[in-house]
């Protein structure tokens, strides 16, 4: 019943995906919350079944079917920039130097250009993502092509999550908290956001670290202790790939360092750090400020933030964000250095909550880690549903004429439910003996 409800709501959501049409965001959000309710009952019902009695194909049939249902949805407005930046690269223009409204690009205006947001801002995405846009522009530069590519990456994240859960002794079906999640379904198959491509690399790095950390210790002399196993190189490389796609995973670098140990980290982490700047050379770095637009965007753009509006409701965070987030994330990594799995979740979660802009799709950056950790999943799963309220901003701002002002009631609607879920989890843990609360069971 839960799967049927979620699927029906997702099909109806497809009719209201164009947020520039007045009323669509409100209808879309109501249907999304209803789909989240169906999702909740569907996964809980799945996990109540006897272990080993759930066919693996049922897990994947539902995951794929939900995404197929979302493919007809009008995409998010970021995809028009993806296609535009890919196309102009084929004509010899540098997306880090030429903003969409640049005079030299006036002759290349098309329908994509008219739909691009922030037309005065050049590319903010890291170089590997821009290279992906250029490659796609040579072939499958259709919106459907983007959706299918990102949907495959999204399903890859679910597959890695199943493996991680099984390795930890938990039911792999708990990965449905991610794979069947309406937000995960919408972000890739509906909105065509590329976040799943970043997450696939990041979760691949986590999988390598997990395998590496459970290998039995062996006697080593000083010389052999500097030998780096292939899994360590793979984890560093995949982490570097994720950073070269989206800057967010950079906060996990210290966690990876503690997980690897200082000798291995000293040898391998330069690879994780170096992939993005090396690829940036293709775009003229350091002569061209490849990462400059991203820095200005972070400092000058504040929307749906979970923390900073309490400090400065006027939205003038500026450079405070970067230093504060870096300090908190580093402190958490050091504090939890003996439990890197927990540290990865806490560090990524802190980075999101301290971000001056928390778009709905950013929640997916932490959701697989939360599901993997099990007991920490409930607040993040609840947020993945309540954050659909973010899309009401389109209706609110169109009606008021103001630029992305978020009323207090909307912030409470988004962030109060996960806070209540956090309190619920705390009370549940206090009232139960250790180990009696099912892991990965929000």
Protein backbone atom coordinates (compact mmCIF):
# COMPACT_ATOMS: atom_id res chain seq x y z
CA UNK A 1 0.00 0.00 0.00
CA UNK A 2 2.82 2.39 0.88
CA UNK A 3 4.60 1.82 -2.44
CA UNK A 4 1.34 2.37 -4.34
CA UNK A 5 0.72 5.65 -2.51
CA UNK A 6 4.24 6.91 -3.14
CA UNK A 7 4.14 5.91 -6.80
CA UNK A 8 0.75 7.56 -7.38
CA UNK A 9 1.93 10.80 -5.76
CA UNK A 10 5.13 10.83 -7.82
CA UNK A 11 3.12 10.43 -11.02
CA UNK A 12 0.92 13.38 -10.02
CA UNK A 13 3.97 15.46 -9.07
CA UNK A 14 5.15 15.25 -12.68
CA UNK A 15 2.31 17.56 -13.70
CA UNK A 16 3.53 20.34 -11.40
CA UNK A 17 7.30 20.31 -11.89
CA UNK A 18 7.53 23.68 -13.66
CA UNK A 19 7.92 25.99 -10.67
CA UNK A 20 7.62 29.15 -12.76
CA UNK A 21 3.92 28.37 -13.17
CA UNK A 22 2.07 29.92 -10.23
CA UNK A 23 0.54 27.33 -7.94
CA UNK A 24 2.70 24.47 -9.15
CA UNK A 25 5.20 24.64 -6.28
CA UNK A 26 2.42 24.39 -3.68
CA UNK A 27 0.78 21.42 -5.38
CA UNK A 28 4.15 19.77 -5.95
CA UNK A 29 5.09 20.15 -2.28
CA UNK A 30 1.82 18.76 -0.95
CA UNK A 31 2.10 15.74 -3.22
CA UNK A 32 5.77 15.27 -2.25
CA UNK A 33 4.92 15.19 1.46
CA UNK A 34 2.15 12.69 0.72
CA UNK A 35 4.61 10.55 -1.24
CA UNK A 36 6.97 10.77 1.75
CA UNK A 37 4.25 9.36 3.98
CA UNK A 38 3.78 6.44 1.59
CA UNK A 39 7.54 5.97 1.42
CA UNK A 40 7.77 5.80 5.21
CA UNK A 41 5.17 3.03 5.50
CA UNK A 42 6.60 1.19 2.48
CA UNK A 43 10.12 0.93 3.91
CA UNK A 44 8.97 0.10 7.42
CA UNK A 45 6.82 -2.67 5.98
CA UNK A 46 9.77 -3.94 3.96
CA UNK A 47 12.03 -4.10 7.00
CA UNK A 48 9.42 -5.87 9.13
CA UNK A 49 9.54 -8.85 6.80
CA UNK A 50 11.56 -11.85 7.93
CA UNK A 51 15.27 -11.53 7.07
CA UNK A 52 16.08 -13.30 3.84
CA UNK A 53 12.43 -13.48 2.81
CA UNK A 54 12.50 -10.31 0.70
CA UNK A 55 13.52 -10.97 -2.92
CA UNK A 56 16.37 -8.67 -3.94
CA UNK A 57 14.63 -8.06 -7.25
CA UNK A 58 11.67 -6.48 -5.41
CA UNK A 59 13.99 -3.88 -3.90
CA UNK A 60 15.33 -2.97 -7.34
CA UNK A 61 12.00 -3.19 -9.16
CA UNK A 62 10.50 -0.60 -6.83
CA UNK A 63 13.61 1.64 -6.97
CA UNK A 64 13.64 1.63 -10.78
CA UNK A 65 9.87 1.96 -11.12
CA UNK A 66 9.78 5.04 -8.88
CA UNK A 67 12.45 6.71 -11.00
CA UNK A 68 10.77 5.83 -14.28
CA UNK A 69 7.61 7.46 -12.94
CA UNK A 70 9.52 10.74 -12.39
CA UNK A 71 11.24 10.96 -15.78
CA UNK A 72 8.44 13.05 -17.41
CA UNK A 73 8.81 15.77 -14.74
CA UNK A 74 9.83 19.25 -15.89
CA UNK A 75 13.48 19.51 -14.77
CA UNK A 76 15.03 21.89 -12.29
CA UNK A 77 16.45 25.10 -13.70
CA UNK A 78 20.08 24.04 -13.14
CA UNK A 79 19.97 21.62 -16.08
CA UNK A 80 19.70 24.52 -18.54
CA UNK A 81 23.05 25.81 -17.28
CA UNK A 82 24.54 22.32 -17.58
CA UNK A 83 23.56 22.12 -21.24
CA UNK A 84 24.56 25.72 -21.97
CA UNK A 85 28.01 25.43 -20.40
CA UNK A 86 28.62 22.18 -22.25
CA UNK A 87 27.65 23.69 -25.60
CA UNK A 88 29.72 26.86 -25.30
CA UNK A 89 32.81 24.77 -24.53
CA UNK A 90 32.38 23.08 -27.91
CA UNK A 91 32.55 26.53 -29.50
CA UNK A 92 35.79 27.42 -27.74
CA UNK A 93 34.47 29.53 -24.85
CA UNK A 94 35.66 29.15 -21.26
CA UNK A 95 32.67 28.84 -18.87
CA UNK A 96 34.81 30.15 -16.02
CA UNK A 97 35.47 33.40 -17.90
CA UNK A 98 32.21 33.97 -19.76
CA UNK A 99 28.98 34.33 -17.81
CA UNK A 100 25.79 33.53 -19.75
CA UNK A 101 25.01 37.24 -20.19
CA UNK A 102 28.53 38.05 -21.46
CA UNK A 103 28.65 40.16 -24.63
CA UNK A 104 30.83 37.60 -26.47
CA UNK A 105 28.09 34.97 -26.03
CA UNK A 106 25.24 37.13 -27.31
CA UNK A 107 25.22 35.28 -30.63
CA UNK A 108 24.72 31.92 -28.95
CA UNK A 109 21.54 32.69 -27.04
CA UNK A 110 18.94 29.93 -27.26
CA UNK A 111 16.04 28.56 -25.24
CA UNK A 112 18.43 27.16 -22.65
CA UNK A 113 19.98 30.59 -22.16
CA UNK A 114 16.62 32.21 -21.42
CA UNK A 115 15.99 29.69 -18.63
CA UNK A 116 19.39 29.98 -16.90
CA UNK A 117 19.38 31.47 -13.40
CA UNK A 118 22.08 33.87 -12.20
CA UNK A 119 23.04 34.76 -15.78
CA UNK A 120 25.66 37.24 -14.58
CA UNK A 121 27.64 34.51 -12.77
CA UNK A 122 30.19 32.35 -14.66
CA UNK A 123 30.53 28.63 -13.95
CA UNK A 124 30.66 27.69 -10.27
CA UNK A 125 31.00 23.92 -10.70
CA UNK A 126 34.42 22.23 -10.32
CA UNK A 127 36.33 21.28 -13.50
CA UNK A 128 35.42 17.58 -13.66
CA UNK A 129 31.75 18.53 -13.78
CA UNK A 130 32.39 21.05 -16.55
CA UNK A 131 34.26 18.36 -18.48
CA UNK A 132 31.23 16.10 -18.05
CA UNK A 133 29.00 18.83 -19.49
CA UNK A 134 31.32 19.19 -22.48
CA UNK A 135 31.32 15.43 -23.12
CA UNK A 136 27.54 15.24 -22.88
CA UNK A 137 27.20 18.21 -25.24
CA UNK A 138 28.84 16.09 -27.94
CA UNK A 139 26.26 13.36 -27.60
CA UNK A 140 23.33 12.97 -25.22
CA UNK A 141 22.78 16.66 -24.53
CA UNK A 142 19.05 16.17 -24.06
CA UNK A 143 17.37 16.61 -20.69
CA UNK A 144 16.41 12.93 -20.81
CA UNK A 145 20.05 12.00 -21.36
CA UNK A 146 21.05 13.89 -18.22
CA UNK A 147 18.24 12.30 -16.23
CA UNK A 148 19.15 8.77 -17.30
CA UNK A 149 22.84 9.29 -16.54
CA UNK A 150 22.21 10.70 -13.08
CA UNK A 151 19.57 8.06 -12.36
CA UNK A 152 22.11 5.32 -13.09
CA UNK A 153 24.58 7.02 -10.74
CA UNK A 154 21.85 7.27 -8.10
CA UNK A 155 21.10 3.56 -8.34
CA UNK A 156 24.85 2.95 -8.06
CA UNK A 157 24.82 4.79 -4.72
CA UNK A 158 22.01 2.49 -3.55
CA UNK A 159 24.00 -0.58 -4.64
CA UNK A 160 27.10 0.53 -2.68
CA UNK A 161 24.91 1.30 0.32
CA UNK A 162 23.47 -2.22 0.23
CA UNK A 163 27.01 -3.66 0.23
CA UNK A 164 28.07 -1.45 3.15
CA UNK A 165 25.04 -2.41 5.22
CA UNK A 166 25.58 -6.12 4.55
CA UNK A 167 29.26 -5.84 5.49
CA UNK A 168 28.27 -4.21 8.78
CA UNK A 169 25.83 -6.97 9.68
CA UNK A 170 22.68 -4.97 8.94
CA UNK A 171 19.88 -5.79 6.55
CA UNK A 172 20.79 -4.55 3.05
CA UNK A 173 17.08 -3.81 2.54
CA UNK A 174 17.55 -0.82 4.86
CA UNK A 175 19.11 0.87 1.83
CA UNK A 176 15.49 1.48 0.79
CA UNK A 177 15.55 4.50 3.13
CA UNK A 178 17.66 5.98 0.35
CA UNK A 179 16.70 4.03 -2.79
CA UNK A 180 12.95 4.50 -2.31
CA UNK A 181 13.23 8.03 -0.92
CA UNK A 182 11.09 10.48 -2.94
CA UNK A 183 13.76 13.17 -2.65
CA UNK A 184 16.43 10.86 -4.12
CA UNK A 185 13.99 9.87 -6.86
CA UNK A 186 13.14 13.47 -7.72
CA UNK A 187 16.65 14.94 -7.61
CA UNK A 188 18.12 12.68 -10.31
CA UNK A 189 15.20 11.32 -12.34
CA UNK A 190 12.97 14.36 -12.02
CA UNK A 191 15.08 17.51 -11.60
CA UNK A 192 18.22 16.19 -13.38
CA UNK A 193 20.63 17.45 -10.70
CA UNK A 194 24.09 15.93 -10.96
CA UNK A 195 24.61 15.39 -7.20
CA UNK A 196 24.30 11.61 -7.56
CA UNK A 197 27.42 11.59 -9.77
CA UNK A 198 29.37 13.18 -6.92
CA UNK A 199 27.81 10.89 -4.32
CA UNK A 200 28.66 7.77 -6.32
CA UNK A 201 32.35 8.66 -6.11
CA UNK A 202 32.13 9.64 -2.44
CA UNK A 203 30.34 6.45 -1.43
CA UNK A 204 32.84 4.48 -3.51
CA UNK A 205 35.60 6.05 -1.41
CA UNK A 206 33.71 5.12 1.76
CA UNK A 207 33.36 1.53 0.56
CA UNK A 208 37.11 1.31 -0.10
CA UNK A 209 37.89 2.72 3.35
CA UNK A 210 35.46 0.29 4.96
CA UNK A 211 37.12 -2.68 3.28
CA UNK A 212 40.56 -1.35 4.13
CA UNK A 213 39.76 -0.75 7.80
CA UNK A 214 38.55 -4.31 8.42
CA UNK A 215 41.60 -6.00 6.93
CA UNK A 216 43.43 -8.01 9.62
CA UNK A 217 46.54 -6.30 11.02
CA UNK A 218 49.90 -7.81 10.22
CA UNK A 219 53.46 -7.46 11.35
CA UNK A 220 55.17 -4.59 9.56
CA UNK A 221 58.62 -3.11 9.66
CA UNK A 222 59.28 0.57 9.10
CA UNK A 223 59.87 0.14 5.38
CA UNK A 224 56.77 -1.93 4.68
CA UNK A 225 54.57 0.37 6.80
CA UNK A 226 54.93 2.99 4.06
CA UNK A 227 53.55 0.65 1.41
CA UNK A 228 50.14 1.81 0.32
CA UNK A 229 47.57 -0.88 -0.57
CA UNK A 230 45.46 -0.39 -3.71
CA UNK A 231 42.32 0.25 -1.65
CA UNK A 232 43.98 3.29 -0.05
CA UNK A 233 44.83 4.71 -3.47
CA UNK A 234 41.32 3.96 -4.69
CA UNK A 235 39.68 5.68 -1.72
CA UNK A 236 41.84 8.79 -2.15
CA UNK A 237 41.24 8.87 -5.90
CA UNK A 238 37.48 8.48 -5.57
CA UNK A 239 37.35 11.15 -2.88
CA UNK A 240 39.31 13.43 -5.21
CA UNK A 241 36.85 12.69 -8.01
CA UNK A 242 33.92 13.61 -5.76
CA UNK A 243 35.61 16.90 -4.81
CA UNK A 244 36.34 17.63 -8.48
CA UNK A 245 32.59 17.25 -9.14
CA UNK A 246 31.23 19.23 -6.18
CA UNK A 247 33.26 21.05 -3.56
CA UNK A 248 31.19 19.76 -0.61
CA UNK A 249 33.09 16.50 0.06
CA UNK A 250 36.28 18.47 0.76
CA UNK A 251 35.16 18.58 4.41
CA UNK A 252 35.56 14.79 4.58
CA UNK A 253 39.29 14.94 3.78
CA UNK A 254 40.41 14.98 7.45
CA UNK A 255 38.10 12.03 8.14
CA UNK A 256 39.72 10.10 5.32
CA UNK A 257 43.13 10.99 6.70
CA UNK A 258 42.34 9.55 10.13
CA UNK A 259 40.79 6.46 8.56
CA UNK A 260 43.90 5.79 6.47
CA UNK A 261 46.46 6.49 9.19
CA UNK A 262 49.03 9.25 8.98
CA UNK A 263 51.55 7.39 6.79
CA UNK A 264 49.03 6.34 4.16
CA UNK A 265 47.30 9.70 4.33
CA UNK A 266 50.57 11.53 3.77
CA UNK A 267 51.12 9.56 0.58
CA UNK A 268 47.60 9.32 -0.84
CA UNK A 269 45.66 12.44 0.19
CA UNK A 270 47.65 14.70 -2.17
CA UNK A 271 45.90 12.72 -4.92
CA UNK A 272 42.50 13.55 -3.42
CA UNK A 273 43.42 17.22 -3.11
CA UNK A 274 45.18 17.48 -6.45
CA UNK A 275 42.64 16.14 -8.95
CA UNK A 276 40.51 19.31 -9.03
CA UNK A 277 43.37 21.82 -9.51
CA UNK A 278 45.10 19.57 -12.05
CA UNK A 279 41.93 19.39 -14.14
CA UNK A 280 41.47 23.13 -13.65
CA UNK A 281 44.66 23.68 -15.65
CA UNK A 282 42.62 22.69 -18.72
CA UNK A 283 40.58 25.86 -18.13
CA UNK A 284 43.55 28.17 -17.63
CA UNK A 285 44.13 27.79 -13.88
CA UNK A 286 45.82 29.51 -12.08
CA UNK A 287 45.65 32.40 -14.55
CA UNK A 288 41.88 31.99 -14.73
CA UNK A 289 40.03 32.08 -11.42
CA UNK A 290 38.39 28.70 -11.88
CA UNK A 291 37.21 28.56 -8.27
CA UNK A 292 36.55 32.28 -7.88
CA UNK A 293 32.88 32.28 -8.89
CA UNK A 294 32.16 29.44 -6.45
CA UNK A 295 33.78 31.41 -3.63
CA UNK A 296 31.76 34.55 -4.44
CA UNK A 297 28.59 32.49 -4.79
CA UNK A 298 29.03 30.91 -1.34
CA UNK A 299 29.75 34.22 0.34
CA UNK A 300 26.97 36.17 -1.33
CA UNK A 301 24.09 33.72 -1.52
CA UNK A 302 21.97 32.74 1.46
CA UNK A 303 18.76 30.71 1.25
CA UNK A 304 17.02 28.11 3.44
CA UNK A 305 20.01 28.04 5.78
CA UNK A 306 19.49 26.02 8.94
CA UNK A 307 21.71 28.10 11.24
CA UNK A 308 22.90 31.46 9.94
CA UNK A 309 19.48 33.13 9.82
CA UNK A 310 19.47 32.85 13.62
CA UNK A 311 22.76 34.75 13.78
CA UNK A 312 22.03 37.33 11.10
CA UNK A 313 18.44 37.40 9.76
CA UNK A 314 19.50 40.06 7.26
CA UNK A 315 21.53 37.45 5.39
CA UNK A 316 25.00 39.01 5.46
CA UNK A 317 27.04 35.96 6.44
CA UNK A 318 29.87 36.58 3.98
CA UNK A 319 33.21 34.94 4.71
CA UNK A 320 32.24 33.92 8.24
CA UNK A 321 30.68 30.74 6.87
CA UNK A 322 33.85 29.25 5.43
CA UNK A 323 35.98 29.71 8.53
CA UNK A 324 33.25 28.57 10.92
CA UNK A 325 32.33 25.48 8.89
CA UNK A 326 36.00 24.53 8.42
CA UNK A 327 36.73 24.89 12.14
CA UNK A 328 33.68 22.90 13.26
CA UNK A 329 34.21 20.13 10.70
CA UNK A 330 37.90 19.80 11.56
CA UNK A 331 37.10 19.73 15.28
CA UNK A 332 34.53 16.97 14.73
CA UNK A 333 36.99 14.96 12.64
CA UNK A 334 39.61 15.19 15.39
CA UNK A 335 37.14 14.44 18.16
CA UNK A 336 35.82 11.34 16.38
CA UNK A 337 39.16 10.29 14.89
CA UNK A 338 38.83 6.77 16.34
CA UNK A 339 35.45 6.21 14.66
CA UNK A 340 35.77 7.51 11.10
CA UNK A 341 32.39 6.10 10.03
CA UNK A 342 30.60 8.20 12.61
CA UNK A 343 32.88 11.15 11.88
CA UNK A 344 32.00 11.10 8.16
CA UNK A 345 28.31 11.50 8.99
CA UNK A 346 28.82 14.18 11.59
CA UNK A 347 31.24 16.21 9.49
CA UNK A 348 29.08 16.15 6.37
CA UNK A 349 25.95 16.86 8.42
CA UNK A 350 27.62 19.80 10.16
CA UNK A 351 28.79 21.21 6.84
CA UNK A 352 25.23 21.15 5.49
CA UNK A 353 23.68 22.66 8.60
CA UNK A 354 26.31 25.43 8.58
CA UNK A 355 25.92 26.10 4.87
CA UNK A 356 24.46 29.54 3.99
CA UNK A 357 22.49 27.85 1.20
CA UNK A 358 20.80 24.53 1.82
CA UNK A 359 19.00 23.59 -1.36
CA UNK A 360 16.72 20.59 -1.03
CA UNK A 361 18.98 18.33 -3.08
CA UNK A 362 21.92 18.97 -0.76
CA UNK A 363 20.27 16.71 1.83
CA UNK A 364 21.21 13.74 -0.37
CA UNK A 365 24.88 14.43 0.36
CA UNK A 366 24.43 13.11 3.90
CA UNK A 367 21.47 10.72 3.56
CA UNK A 368 23.43 7.59 2.47
CA UNK A 369 25.89 8.08 5.34
CA UNK A 370 23.00 8.45 7.80
CA UNK A 371 21.28 5.30 6.52
CA UNK A 372 24.57 3.42 6.77
CA UNK A 373 24.98 4.54 10.38
CA UNK A 374 21.47 3.30 11.16
CA UNK A 375 20.58 4.85 14.50
CA UNK A 376 21.32 8.33 13.13
CA UNK A 377 19.06 7.98 10.11
CA UNK A 378 15.69 9.07 11.47
CA UNK A 379 16.20 12.89 11.62
CA UNK A 380 17.84 12.96 8.18
CA UNK A 381 15.13 10.78 6.63
CA UNK A 382 12.49 13.10 8.08
CA UNK A 383 14.38 16.13 6.75
CA UNK A 384 14.51 14.53 3.30
CA UNK A 385 10.70 14.75 3.25
CA UNK A 386 10.13 18.05 5.10
CA UNK A 387 12.73 19.81 2.93
CA UNK A 388 10.30 19.63 0.02
CA UNK A 389 8.84 22.73 1.66
CA UNK A 390 11.84 24.55 0.17
CA UNK A 391 10.08 24.55 -3.21
CA UNK A 392 7.31 26.74 -1.78
CA UNK A 393 9.81 29.60 -2.05
CA UNK A 394 8.98 29.87 -5.75
CA UNK A 395 5.30 30.54 -5.02
CA UNK A 396 5.99 32.74 -2.00
CA UNK A 397 8.45 34.97 -3.81
CA UNK A 398 6.44 35.20 -7.01
CA UNK A 399 3.42 36.32 -5.02
CA UNK A 400 5.31 38.84 -2.87
CA UNK A 401 7.78 40.09 -5.46
CA UNK A 402 10.61 39.72 -2.95
CA UNK A 403 13.88 37.98 -3.71
CA UNK A 404 14.08 34.66 -1.87
CA UNK A 405 12.87 35.78 1.53
CA UNK A 406 11.90 32.77 3.63
CA UNK A 407 9.16 33.28 6.23
CA UNK A 408 9.60 31.89 9.71
CA UNK A 409 6.68 29.46 9.36
CA UNK A 410 8.37 27.80 6.38
CA UNK A 411 11.67 27.37 8.20
CA UNK A 412 9.80 25.79 11.11
CA UNK A 413 7.91 23.49 8.73
CA UNK A 414 11.22 22.30 7.25
CA UNK A 415 13.44 22.04 10.33
CA UNK A 416 11.09 21.38 13.25
CA UNK A 417 10.07 17.83 12.12
CA UNK A 418 13.68 16.53 12.02
CA UNK A 419 14.34 18.15 15.40
CA UNK A 420 11.32 16.34 16.82
CA UNK A 421 12.57 13.12 15.21
CA UNK A 422 15.94 13.68 16.85
CA UNK A 423 14.24 14.05 20.24
CA UNK A 424 12.18 10.94 19.57
CA UNK A 425 15.35 8.96 18.82
CA UNK A 426 17.01 10.25 21.99
CA UNK A 427 14.06 9.27 24.19
CA UNK A 428 13.88 5.88 22.50
CA UNK A 429 17.55 5.21 23.14
CA UNK A 430 17.20 6.20 26.79
CA UNK A 431 14.17 3.98 27.33
CA UNK A 432 15.68 0.90 25.68
CA UNK A 433 18.69 -1.14 26.66
CA UNK A 434 21.71 -0.90 24.38
CA UNK A 435 21.32 -2.94 21.23
CA UNK A 436 17.55 -3.41 21.42
CA UNK A 437 16.68 -0.63 19.00
CA UNK A 438 16.88 -2.05 15.45
CA UNK A 439 19.75 -0.56 13.50
CA UNK A 440 18.86 1.25 10.25
CA UNK A 441 15.22 1.38 11.29
CA UNK A 442 14.01 4.99 11.57
